[in-house]
Amino acid sequence: MRNAALFLGIIGGLIGMVVGFFSYGYTEFVERVGDFDGMLDQVENVDLIRFASFFAPLLAIAGGAMAKARALWGGGLMIASAVGMYYAFSFNVFTMFPIGFCALGGLLAIAAGKPDEPKAHF
């Protein structure tokens, strides 16, 4: 379960980085070019979008990297990342996979209470 949490956290963070790049870039573009009625409107809380664009993927990647050694901490970071992405970007077609990967990876990391033990499958 720790390996699955590791991969889900890192993949969720990488996809979250793409969402973050576009979100941060959108806020910068609208700030520099200006609003166009009906086409480009600035978001309500620019600072929240910019903060979450950087820190949510960072938490996901760090949590995924920590999942093998410190599963509880890594799981907490991945869940915090999923909550941050949901709060800042809401749940839509672009954020459903990073939110889902981070949340599932966080739950798997927390559920892995003891270190994985090799077991015979037959």
N, C-alpha and C. Protein backbone atom coordinates (compact mmCIF):
# COMPACT_ATOMS: atom_id res chain seq x y z
N MET A 1 0.82 -1.20 0.00
CA MET A 1 0.00 0.00 0.00
C MET A 1 0.86 1.26 0.00
N ARG A 2 2.02 1.16 0.61
CA ARG A 2 2.90 2.33 0.63
C ARG A 2 3.43 2.66 -0.76
N ASN A 3 3.71 1.62 -1.55
CA ASN A 3 4.17 1.86 -2.92
C ASN A 3 3.07 2.50 -3.76
N ALA A 4 1.84 2.04 -3.59
CA ALA A 4 0.72 2.64 -4.32
C ALA A 4 0.54 4.09 -3.91
N ALA A 5 0.66 4.37 -2.62
CA ALA A 5 0.53 5.74 -2.13
C ALA A 5 1.63 6.62 -2.70
N LEU A 6 2.85 6.08 -2.78
CA LEU A 6 3.97 6.82 -3.35
C LEU A 6 3.67 7.22 -4.79
N PHE A 7 3.27 6.26 -5.61
CA PHE A 7 3.01 6.56 -7.02
C PHE A 7 1.80 7.48 -7.20
N LEU A 8 0.74 7.25 -6.44
CA LEU A 8 -0.44 8.10 -6.57
C LEU A 8 -0.13 9.54 -6.16
N GLY A 9 0.64 9.72 -5.10
CA GLY A 9 1.00 11.06 -4.67
C GLY A 9 1.86 11.79 -5.68
N ILE A 10 2.84 11.10 -6.23
CA ILE A 10 3.72 11.76 -7.19
C ILE A 10 2.98 12.05 -8.49
N ILE A 11 2.19 11.11 -8.98
CA ILE A 11 1.45 11.35 -10.22
C ILE A 11 0.40 12.44 -10.01
N GLY A 12 -0.30 12.40 -8.88
CA GLY A 12 -1.27 13.45 -8.58
C GLY A 12 -0.62 14.82 -8.48
N GLY A 13 0.58 14.86 -7.89
CA GLY A 13 1.31 16.13 -7.81
C GLY A 13 1.76 16.64 -9.16
N LEU A 14 2.19 15.73 -10.03
CA LEU A 14 2.62 16.16 -11.37
C LEU A 14 1.44 16.68 -12.20
N ILE A 15 0.31 16.00 -12.12
CA ILE A 15 -0.87 16.51 -12.83
C ILE A 15 -1.34 17.81 -12.19
N GLY A 16 -1.24 17.90 -10.87
CA GLY A 16 -1.58 19.14 -10.17
C GLY A 16 -0.67 20.29 -10.57
N MET A 17 0.58 19.98 -10.89
CA MET A 17 1.49 21.03 -11.37
C MET A 17 1.01 21.62 -12.69
N VAL A 18 0.51 20.78 -13.56
CA VAL A 18 -0.02 21.27 -14.84
C VAL A 18 -1.21 22.20 -14.60
N VAL A 19 -2.12 21.77 -13.72
CA VAL A 19 -3.26 22.61 -13.36
C VAL A 19 -2.78 23.91 -12.73
N GLY A 20 -1.78 23.81 -11.87
CA GLY A 20 -1.24 25.00 -11.21
C GLY A 20 -0.58 25.96 -12.18
N PHE A 21 0.18 25.44 -13.14
CA PHE A 21 0.80 26.30 -14.14
C PHE A 21 -0.25 27.10 -14.92
N PHE A 22 -1.28 26.42 -15.36
CA PHE A 22 -2.31 27.11 -16.13
C PHE A 22 -3.11 28.09 -15.27
N SER A 23 -3.40 27.72 -14.03
CA SER A 23 -4.16 28.61 -13.16
C SER A 23 -3.36 29.86 -12.82
N TYR A 24 -2.11 29.67 -12.45
CA TYR A 24 -1.26 30.82 -12.14
C TYR A 24 -1.07 31.68 -13.39
N GLY A 25 -0.82 31.04 -14.53
CA GLY A 25 -0.65 31.77 -15.78
C GLY A 25 -1.89 32.54 -16.18
N TYR A 26 -3.06 31.96 -15.95
CA TYR A 26 -4.32 32.65 -16.28
C TYR A 26 -4.46 33.91 -15.45
N THR A 27 -4.19 33.82 -14.14
CA THR A 27 -4.33 35.01 -13.30
C THR A 27 -3.33 36.09 -13.71
N GLU A 28 -2.12 35.70 -14.07
CA GLU A 28 -1.12 36.68 -14.53
C GLU A 28 -1.54 37.31 -15.86
N PHE A 29 -2.02 36.49 -16.77
CA PHE A 29 -2.42 37.00 -18.08
C PHE A 29 -3.56 38.00 -17.97
N VAL A 30 -4.56 37.66 -17.18
CA VAL A 30 -5.70 38.57 -17.03
C VAL A 30 -5.27 39.84 -16.31
N GLU A 31 -4.35 39.72 -15.38
CA GLU A 31 -3.86 40.91 -14.67
C GLU A 31 -3.12 41.85 -15.60
N ARG A 32 -2.33 41.30 -16.50
CA ARG A 32 -1.52 42.13 -17.41
C ARG A 32 -2.33 42.65 -18.59
N VAL A 33 -3.18 41.82 -19.17
CA VAL A 33 -3.93 42.21 -20.36
C VAL A 33 -5.20 42.97 -19.99
N GLY A 34 -5.86 42.53 -18.93
CA GLY A 34 -7.09 43.17 -18.51
C GLY A 34 -8.28 42.29 -18.79
N ASP A 35 -9.39 42.65 -18.19
CA ASP A 35 -10.63 41.88 -18.36
C ASP A 35 -11.26 42.19 -19.71
N PHE A 36 -11.79 41.15 -20.33
CA PHE A 36 -12.63 41.30 -21.50
C PHE A 36 -14.00 40.80 -21.10
N ASP A 37 -15.01 41.65 -21.23
CA ASP A 37 -16.35 41.27 -20.80
C ASP A 37 -16.81 40.01 -21.53
N GLY A 38 -17.14 39.01 -20.75
CA GLY A 38 -17.65 37.77 -21.31
C GLY A 38 -16.58 36.77 -21.72
N MET A 39 -15.35 37.22 -21.91
CA MET A 39 -14.29 36.29 -22.32
C MET A 39 -13.32 35.99 -21.19
N LEU A 40 -12.66 36.99 -20.70
CA LEU A 40 -11.68 36.83 -19.63
C LEU A 40 -12.12 37.63 -18.42
N ASP A 41 -12.34 36.96 -17.33
CA ASP A 41 -12.67 37.61 -16.07
C ASP A 41 -11.68 37.14 -15.02
N GLN A 42 -11.22 38.05 -14.20
CA GLN A 42 -10.29 37.68 -13.14
C GLN A 42 -11.03 36.90 -12.07
N VAL A 43 -10.37 35.95 -11.47
CA VAL A 43 -10.97 35.14 -10.41
C VAL A 43 -11.15 36.02 -9.17
N GLU A 44 -12.02 35.56 -8.26
CA GLU A 44 -12.32 36.37 -7.07
C GLU A 44 -11.13 36.50 -6.13
N ASN A 45 -10.44 35.40 -5.87
CA ASN A 45 -9.35 35.42 -4.91
C ASN A 45 -8.07 34.99 -5.61
N VAL A 46 -7.37 35.95 -6.16
CA VAL A 46 -6.17 35.67 -6.95
C VAL A 46 -5.08 35.07 -6.07
N ASP A 47 -4.93 35.59 -4.86
CA ASP A 47 -3.87 35.09 -3.97
C ASP A 47 -4.08 33.63 -3.60
N LEU A 48 -5.33 33.22 -3.39
CA LEU A 48 -5.62 31.83 -3.08
C LEU A 48 -5.24 30.92 -4.24
N ILE A 49 -5.59 31.31 -5.45
CA ILE A 49 -5.26 30.51 -6.63
C ILE A 49 -3.76 30.39 -6.80
N ARG A 50 -3.06 31.48 -6.63
CA ARG A 50 -1.60 31.44 -6.79
C ARG A 50 -0.94 30.63 -5.68
N PHE A 51 -1.43 30.76 -4.45
CA PHE A 51 -0.89 29.98 -3.34
C PHE A 51 -1.11 28.49 -3.56
N ALA A 52 -2.33 28.12 -3.92
CA ALA A 52 -2.66 26.71 -4.13
C ALA A 52 -1.97 26.16 -5.37
N SER A 53 -1.75 26.97 -6.38
CA SER A 53 -1.06 26.52 -7.59
C SER A 53 0.35 26.06 -7.29
N PHE A 54 0.98 26.66 -6.29
CA PHE A 54 2.33 26.27 -5.93
C PHE A 54 2.36 25.20 -4.84
N PHE A 55 1.61 25.41 -3.76
CA PHE A 55 1.76 24.54 -2.60
C PHE A 55 1.00 23.22 -2.67
N ALA A 56 -0.13 23.16 -3.35
CA ALA A 56 -0.87 21.89 -3.40
C ALA A 56 -0.09 20.80 -4.14
N PRO A 57 0.47 21.06 -5.32
CA PRO A 57 1.29 20.00 -5.94
C PRO A 57 2.56 19.70 -5.15
N LEU A 58 3.12 20.70 -4.51
CA LEU A 58 4.31 20.50 -3.69
C LEU A 58 4.02 19.56 -2.53
N LEU A 59 2.88 19.75 -1.86
CA LEU A 59 2.49 18.87 -0.77
C LEU A 59 2.25 17.45 -1.27
N ALA A 60 1.64 17.32 -2.45
CA ALA A 60 1.36 15.99 -2.98
C ALA A 60 2.64 15.24 -3.30
N ILE A 61 3.59 15.89 -3.93
CA ILE A 61 4.85 15.23 -4.29
C ILE A 61 5.65 14.91 -3.03
N ALA A 62 5.69 15.83 -2.09
CA ALA A 62 6.40 15.57 -0.84
C ALA A 62 5.73 14.45 -0.05
N GLY A 63 4.41 14.44 -0.02
CA GLY A 63 3.70 13.36 0.67
C GLY A 63 3.91 12.02 0.02
N GLY A 64 3.91 11.99 -1.30
CA GLY A 64 4.18 10.75 -2.01
C GLY A 64 5.59 10.24 -1.76
N ALA A 65 6.55 11.16 -1.72
CA ALA A 65 7.92 10.76 -1.47
C ALA A 65 8.11 10.26 -0.04
N MET A 66 7.32 10.76 0.90
CA MET A 66 7.43 10.34 2.29
C MET A 66 6.63 9.09 2.61
N ALA A 67 5.81 8.63 1.69
CA ALA A 67 4.85 7.56 1.99
C ALA A 67 5.51 6.26 2.42
N LYS A 68 6.68 5.95 1.92
CA LYS A 68 7.33 4.69 2.30
C LYS A 68 7.93 4.77 3.70
N ALA A 69 8.59 5.86 4.03
CA ALA A 69 9.28 5.96 5.31
C ALA A 69 8.37 6.46 6.42
N ARG A 70 7.60 7.47 6.15
CA ARG A 70 6.69 8.07 7.13
C ARG A 70 5.29 8.11 6.54
N ALA A 71 4.59 6.99 6.62
CA ALA A 71 3.29 6.86 5.95
C ALA A 71 2.26 7.82 6.52
N LEU A 72 2.22 8.01 7.81
CA LEU A 72 1.21 8.89 8.41
C LEU A 72 1.42 10.33 7.97
N TRP A 73 2.64 10.81 8.00
CA TRP A 73 2.92 12.18 7.58
C TRP A 73 2.68 12.35 6.08
N GLY A 74 3.14 11.40 5.30
CA GLY A 74 2.93 11.47 3.86
C GLY A 74 1.46 11.45 3.49
N GLY A 75 0.70 10.59 4.18
CA GLY A 75 -0.74 10.55 3.93
C GLY A 75 -1.42 11.85 4.29
N GLY A 76 -1.01 12.43 5.39
CA GLY A 76 -1.58 13.73 5.80
C GLY A 76 -1.28 14.83 4.79
N LEU A 77 -0.06 14.83 4.28
CA LEU A 77 0.30 15.84 3.27
C LEU A 77 -0.50 15.66 1.98
N MET A 78 -0.69 14.40 1.57
CA MET A 78 -1.45 14.16 0.34
C MET A 78 -2.92 14.54 0.52
N ILE A 79 -3.49 14.26 1.68
CA ILE A 79 -4.88 14.65 1.92
C ILE A 79 -4.99 16.17 1.99
N ALA A 80 -4.01 16.83 2.62
CA ALA A 80 -4.02 18.30 2.65
C ALA A 80 -3.92 18.87 1.24
N SER A 81 -3.14 18.23 0.40
CA SER A 81 -3.04 18.67 -0.99
C SER A 81 -4.36 18.52 -1.73
N ALA A 82 -5.03 17.39 -1.53
CA ALA A 82 -6.32 17.18 -2.19
C ALA A 82 -7.35 18.20 -1.71
N VAL A 83 -7.36 18.48 -0.42
CA VAL A 83 -8.30 19.47 0.12
C VAL A 83 -7.97 20.86 -0.43
N GLY A 84 -6.68 21.19 -0.50
CA GLY A 84 -6.29 22.49 -1.05
C GLY A 84 -6.66 22.65 -2.51
N MET A 85 -6.47 21.60 -3.30
CA MET A 85 -6.86 21.68 -4.71
C MET A 85 -8.37 21.81 -4.86
N TYR A 86 -9.10 21.07 -4.03
CA TYR A 86 -10.56 21.14 -4.11
C TYR A 86 -11.05 22.52 -3.70
N TYR A 87 -10.48 23.08 -2.66
CA TYR A 87 -10.91 24.39 -2.17
C TYR A 87 -10.58 25.49 -3.16
N ALA A 88 -9.40 25.44 -3.74
CA ALA A 88 -8.96 26.51 -4.63
C ALA A 88 -9.54 26.38 -6.04
N PHE A 89 -9.51 25.17 -6.59
CA PHE A 89 -9.87 24.99 -7.99
C PHE A 89 -11.22 24.34 -8.20
N SER A 90 -11.84 23.85 -7.16
CA SER A 90 -13.09 23.09 -7.17
C SER A 90 -12.91 21.78 -7.95
N PHE A 91 -13.95 21.00 -8.01
CA PHE A 91 -13.88 19.69 -8.66
C PHE A 91 -14.42 19.84 -10.08
N ASN A 92 -13.55 19.67 -11.06
CA ASN A 92 -13.97 19.77 -12.46
C ASN A 92 -13.17 18.78 -13.29
N VAL A 93 -13.31 18.84 -14.57
CA VAL A 93 -12.68 17.86 -15.45
C VAL A 93 -11.15 17.93 -15.39
N PHE A 94 -10.59 19.07 -15.06
CA PHE A 94 -9.14 19.21 -15.00
C PHE A 94 -8.56 18.82 -13.65
N THR A 95 -9.37 18.89 -12.61
CA THR A 95 -8.84 18.62 -11.27
C THR A 95 -9.31 17.28 -10.69
N MET A 96 -10.16 16.56 -11.39
CA MET A 96 -10.69 15.34 -10.78
C MET A 96 -9.60 14.28 -10.59
N PHE A 97 -8.66 14.16 -11.50
CA PHE A 97 -7.62 13.15 -11.33
C PHE A 97 -6.58 13.54 -10.28
N PRO A 98 -6.07 14.77 -10.27
CA PRO A 98 -5.11 15.07 -9.20
C PRO A 98 -5.75 15.01 -7.81
N ILE A 99 -6.98 15.46 -7.68
CA ILE A 99 -7.65 15.38 -6.38
C ILE A 99 -7.88 13.92 -6.00
N GLY A 100 -8.35 13.13 -6.94
CA GLY A 100 -8.60 11.72 -6.66
C GLY A 100 -7.34 10.95 -6.34
N PHE A 101 -6.27 11.19 -7.11
CA PHE A 101 -5.01 10.49 -6.85
C PHE A 101 -4.44 10.86 -5.49
N CYS A 102 -4.46 12.14 -5.17
CA CYS A 102 -3.90 12.57 -3.88
C CYS A 102 -4.73 12.07 -2.72
N ALA A 103 -6.05 12.12 -2.83
CA ALA A 103 -6.90 11.65 -1.74
C ALA A 103 -6.75 10.14 -1.55
N LEU A 104 -6.77 9.38 -2.63
CA LEU A 104 -6.62 7.94 -2.51
C LEU A 104 -5.23 7.56 -2.00
N GLY A 105 -4.21 8.23 -2.50
CA GLY A 105 -2.85 7.98 -2.02
C GLY A 105 -2.72 8.30 -0.54
N GLY A 106 -3.35 9.37 -0.10
CA GLY A 106 -3.32 9.71 1.32
C GLY A 106 -4.02 8.69 2.18
N LEU A 107 -5.16 8.22 1.72
CA LEU A 107 -5.89 7.19 2.48
C LEU A 107 -5.11 5.88 2.53
N LEU A 108 -4.48 5.51 1.41
CA LEU A 108 -3.69 4.28 1.41
C LEU A 108 -2.47 4.40 2.32
N ALA A 109 -1.85 5.56 2.33
CA ALA A 109 -0.69 5.74 3.20
C ALA A 109 -1.08 5.68 4.67
N ILE A 110 -2.20 6.28 5.01
CA ILE A 110 -2.65 6.25 6.41
C ILE A 110 -3.10 4.85 6.80
N ALA A 111 -3.71 4.14 5.86
CA ALA A 111 -4.17 2.78 6.15
C ALA A 111 -3.00 1.79 6.31
N ALA A 112 -1.84 2.12 5.78
CA ALA A 112 -0.67 1.25 5.92
C ALA A 112 -0.05 1.50 7.29
N GLY A 113 -0.67 0.97 8.31
CA GLY A 113 -0.22 1.23 9.67
C GLY A 113 1.13 0.65 9.98
N LYS A 114 1.34 -0.59 9.64
CA LYS A 114 2.61 -1.25 9.90
C LYS A 114 3.41 -1.29 8.61
N PRO A 115 4.71 -1.41 8.71
CA PRO A 115 5.49 -1.56 7.47
C PRO A 115 5.07 -2.82 6.71
N ASP A 116 5.14 -2.73 5.41
CA ASP A 116 4.75 -3.87 4.58
C ASP A 116 5.63 -5.06 4.88
N GLU A 117 5.01 -6.19 5.04
CA GLU A 117 5.74 -7.42 5.32
C GLU A 117 5.63 -8.35 4.13
N PRO A 118 6.72 -8.95 3.71
CA PRO A 118 6.62 -9.90 2.60
C PRO A 118 5.82 -11.14 3.04
N LYS A 119 4.84 -11.49 2.24
CA LYS A 119 4.00 -12.67 2.55
C LYS A 119 3.95 -13.56 1.32
N ALA A 120 3.86 -14.84 1.57
CA ALA A 120 3.69 -15.78 0.48
C ALA A 120 2.25 -15.70 -0.03
N HIS A 121 2.08 -15.67 -1.32
CA HIS A 121 0.74 -15.56 -1.87
C HIS A 121 0.13 -16.90 -2.22
N PHE A 122 0.86 -17.99 -2.03
CA PHE A 122 0.33 -19.31 -2.38
C PHE A 122 0.26 -20.19 -1.18
